[in-house]
Amino acid sequence: MQVIAIILIGFFPLQFKFPTSQYLIYYVSYTVMTVISSYYLLGFYKFYRQTELYTEIPKTVYGKYTTS
């Protein structure tokens, strides 16, 4: 969802008819926002992938505790 929102924000100057003199500052800010968002999304993805390695084996079998 966030990726779609970032892509749509890129079209704001065209949709709201910004003056062409403001395009440069807008797209520089947009690029900075995109880089920062990508950095954090990649970090969250790596964290999510890492947590899959730490699945806990349940200590119960059919509701009863094992004796090991």
N, C-alpha and C. Protein backbone atom coordinates (compact mmCIF):
# COMPACT_ATOMS: atom_id res chain seq x y z
N MET A 1 0.82 -1.19 0.00
CA MET A 1 0.00 0.00 0.00
C MET A 1 0.87 1.26 0.00
N GLN A 2 1.93 1.22 0.79
CA GLN A 2 2.82 2.39 0.87
C GLN A 2 3.49 2.64 -0.47
N VAL A 3 3.86 1.58 -1.16
CA VAL A 3 4.53 1.73 -2.46
C VAL A 3 3.59 2.41 -3.46
N ILE A 4 2.34 2.02 -3.45
CA ILE A 4 1.36 2.63 -4.37
C ILE A 4 1.19 4.12 -4.05
N ALA A 5 1.14 4.45 -2.75
CA ALA A 5 1.00 5.85 -2.36
C ALA A 5 2.21 6.67 -2.80
N ILE A 6 3.40 6.11 -2.67
CA ILE A 6 4.61 6.84 -3.09
C ILE A 6 4.59 7.08 -4.60
N ILE A 7 4.16 6.09 -5.35
CA ILE A 7 4.08 6.25 -6.80
C ILE A 7 3.06 7.34 -7.16
N LEU A 8 1.91 7.32 -6.51
CA LEU A 8 0.88 8.32 -6.80
C LEU A 8 1.33 9.73 -6.43
N ILE A 9 2.10 9.87 -5.36
CA ILE A 9 2.59 11.18 -4.96
C ILE A 9 3.49 11.77 -6.05
N GLY A 10 4.15 10.91 -6.80
CA GLY A 10 4.99 11.38 -7.89
C GLY A 10 4.23 12.11 -8.99
N PHE A 11 2.94 11.87 -9.09
CA PHE A 11 2.12 12.52 -10.12
C PHE A 11 1.41 13.78 -9.64
N PHE A 12 1.60 14.17 -8.38
CA PHE A 12 0.93 15.36 -7.86
C PHE A 12 1.21 16.63 -8.66
N PRO A 13 2.45 16.91 -9.06
CA PRO A 13 2.67 18.15 -9.80
C PRO A 13 1.88 18.21 -11.10
N LEU A 14 1.71 17.09 -11.75
CA LEU A 14 0.94 17.07 -13.00
C LEU A 14 -0.55 17.21 -12.71
N GLN A 15 -1.01 16.52 -11.66
CA GLN A 15 -2.44 16.54 -11.34
C GLN A 15 -2.88 17.92 -10.84
N PHE A 16 -2.05 18.55 -10.01
CA PHE A 16 -2.42 19.84 -9.43
C PHE A 16 -1.84 21.03 -10.19
N LYS A 17 -1.26 20.75 -11.34
CA LYS A 17 -0.75 21.78 -12.25
C LYS A 17 0.22 22.75 -11.56
N PHE A 18 1.27 22.16 -10.95
CA PHE A 18 2.32 22.98 -10.35
C PHE A 18 3.02 23.77 -11.44
N PRO A 19 3.51 24.96 -11.13
CA PRO A 19 4.33 25.68 -12.11
C PRO A 19 5.62 24.90 -12.37
N THR A 20 6.10 24.98 -13.59
CA THR A 20 7.31 24.21 -13.94
C THR A 20 8.52 24.64 -13.14
N SER A 21 8.52 25.84 -12.59
CA SER A 21 9.64 26.29 -11.77
C SER A 21 9.71 25.53 -10.45
N GLN A 22 8.63 24.92 -10.01
CA GLN A 22 8.61 24.17 -8.75
C GLN A 22 8.88 22.68 -8.93
N TYR A 23 8.97 22.21 -10.17
CA TYR A 23 9.20 20.79 -10.41
C TYR A 23 10.51 20.32 -9.80
N LEU A 24 11.56 21.09 -9.94
CA LEU A 24 12.87 20.66 -9.46
C LEU A 24 12.86 20.43 -7.95
N ILE A 25 12.39 21.38 -7.19
CA ILE A 25 12.39 21.23 -5.73
C ILE A 25 11.45 20.11 -5.30
N TYR A 26 10.33 19.96 -6.01
CA TYR A 26 9.39 18.90 -5.66
C TYR A 26 10.02 17.54 -5.89
N TYR A 27 10.62 17.34 -7.06
CA TYR A 27 11.16 16.02 -7.37
C TYR A 27 12.45 15.72 -6.61
N VAL A 28 13.19 16.73 -6.19
CA VAL A 28 14.33 16.48 -5.30
C VAL A 28 13.81 15.99 -3.95
N SER A 29 12.80 16.65 -3.42
CA SER A 29 12.19 16.21 -2.15
C SER A 29 11.55 14.83 -2.30
N TYR A 30 10.91 14.60 -3.42
CA TYR A 30 10.28 13.30 -3.69
C TYR A 30 11.33 12.19 -3.74
N THR A 31 12.46 12.47 -4.35
CA THR A 31 13.54 11.48 -4.43
C THR A 31 14.09 11.16 -3.05
N VAL A 32 14.28 12.18 -2.24
CA VAL A 32 14.77 11.96 -0.87
C VAL A 32 13.77 11.11 -0.09
N MET A 33 12.49 11.43 -0.19
CA MET A 33 11.46 10.66 0.49
C MET A 33 11.44 9.21 0.00
N THR A 34 11.58 9.02 -1.30
CA THR A 34 11.56 7.68 -1.86
C THR A 34 12.76 6.86 -1.39
N VAL A 35 13.92 7.47 -1.34
CA VAL A 35 15.12 6.76 -0.88
C VAL A 35 14.97 6.36 0.59
N ILE A 36 14.50 7.28 1.42
CA ILE A 36 14.33 6.97 2.84
C ILE A 36 13.27 5.89 3.04
N SER A 37 12.16 5.99 2.32
CA SER A 37 11.11 4.97 2.43
C SER A 37 11.60 3.61 1.97
N SER A 38 12.36 3.58 0.90
CA SER A 38 12.90 2.32 0.40
C SER A 38 13.85 1.70 1.40
N TYR A 39 14.68 2.53 2.03
CA TYR A 39 15.62 2.05 3.04
C TYR A 39 14.87 1.37 4.19
N TYR A 40 13.83 2.02 4.69
CA TYR A 40 13.09 1.45 5.82
C TYR A 40 12.25 0.25 5.40
N LEU A 41 11.66 0.27 4.22
CA LEU A 41 10.91 -0.89 3.75
C LEU A 41 11.82 -2.10 3.59
N LEU A 42 13.01 -1.88 3.07
CA LEU A 42 13.98 -2.97 2.94
C LEU A 42 14.39 -3.49 4.31
N GLY A 43 14.58 -2.58 5.27
CA GLY A 43 14.91 -3.00 6.63
C GLY A 43 13.82 -3.82 7.27
N PHE A 44 12.56 -3.40 7.11
CA PHE A 44 11.44 -4.16 7.64
C PHE A 44 11.34 -5.53 6.97
N TYR A 45 11.58 -5.57 5.67
CA TYR A 45 11.53 -6.84 4.95
C TYR A 45 12.61 -7.79 5.46
N LYS A 46 13.83 -7.29 5.62
CA LYS A 46 14.92 -8.13 6.14
C LYS A 46 14.60 -8.62 7.55
N PHE A 47 14.05 -7.76 8.40
CA PHE A 47 13.67 -8.15 9.75
C PHE A 47 12.60 -9.24 9.70
N TYR A 48 11.61 -9.07 8.85
CA TYR A 48 10.54 -10.05 8.74
C TYR A 48 11.09 -11.39 8.28
N ARG A 49 11.97 -11.36 7.29
CA ARG A 49 12.57 -12.61 6.80
C ARG A 49 13.42 -13.27 7.89
N GLN A 50 14.11 -12.48 8.69
CA GLN A 50 14.95 -13.02 9.75
C GLN A 50 14.11 -13.67 10.85
N THR A 51 12.96 -13.09 11.16
CA THR A 51 12.13 -13.65 12.23
C THR A 51 11.55 -15.00 11.85
N GLU A 52 11.46 -15.32 10.59
CA GLU A 52 10.98 -16.63 10.18
C GLU A 52 11.94 -17.73 10.61
N LEU A 53 13.21 -17.39 10.80
CA LEU A 53 14.19 -18.39 11.20
C LEU A 53 14.07 -18.75 12.67
N TYR A 54 13.38 -17.92 13.45
CA TYR A 54 13.29 -18.13 14.89
C TYR A 54 11.93 -18.68 15.31
N THR A 55 11.37 -19.56 14.53
CA THR A 55 10.08 -20.13 14.92
C THR A 55 10.31 -21.07 16.10
N GLU A 56 9.44 -20.98 17.06
CA GLU A 56 9.57 -21.79 18.26
C GLU A 56 8.81 -23.09 18.06
N ILE A 57 9.45 -24.19 18.42
CA ILE A 57 8.78 -25.48 18.35
C ILE A 57 7.87 -25.58 19.58
N PRO A 58 6.60 -25.84 19.37
CA PRO A 58 5.69 -25.89 20.52
C PRO A 58 6.04 -27.02 21.47
N LYS A 59 5.86 -26.79 22.76
CA LYS A 59 6.18 -27.79 23.77
C LYS A 59 5.00 -28.69 24.07
N THR A 60 3.91 -28.46 23.43
CA THR A 60 2.73 -29.30 23.67
C THR A 60 2.42 -30.11 22.43
N VAL A 61 1.92 -31.29 22.66
CA VAL A 61 1.44 -32.14 21.57
C VAL A 61 -0.01 -32.47 21.90
N TYR A 62 -0.89 -32.00 21.08
CA TYR A 62 -2.32 -32.21 21.27
C TYR A 62 -2.78 -31.74 22.64
N GLY A 63 -2.24 -30.61 23.09
CA GLY A 63 -2.69 -30.02 24.32
C GLY A 63 -2.02 -30.56 25.57
N LYS A 64 -1.13 -31.56 25.43
CA LYS A 64 -0.46 -32.12 26.61
C LYS A 64 1.03 -31.83 26.52
N TYR A 65 1.63 -31.56 27.64
CA TYR A 65 3.06 -31.27 27.66
C TYR A 65 3.87 -32.53 27.43
N THR A 66 4.96 -32.38 26.69
CA THR A 66 5.85 -33.51 26.48
C THR A 66 6.77 -33.66 27.68
N THR A 67 7.36 -34.80 27.87
CA THR A 67 8.20 -35.05 29.03
C THR A 67 9.67 -34.93 28.72
N SER A 68 10.06 -34.31 27.64
CA SER A 68 11.48 -34.22 27.31
C SER A 68 12.14 -33.01 27.91
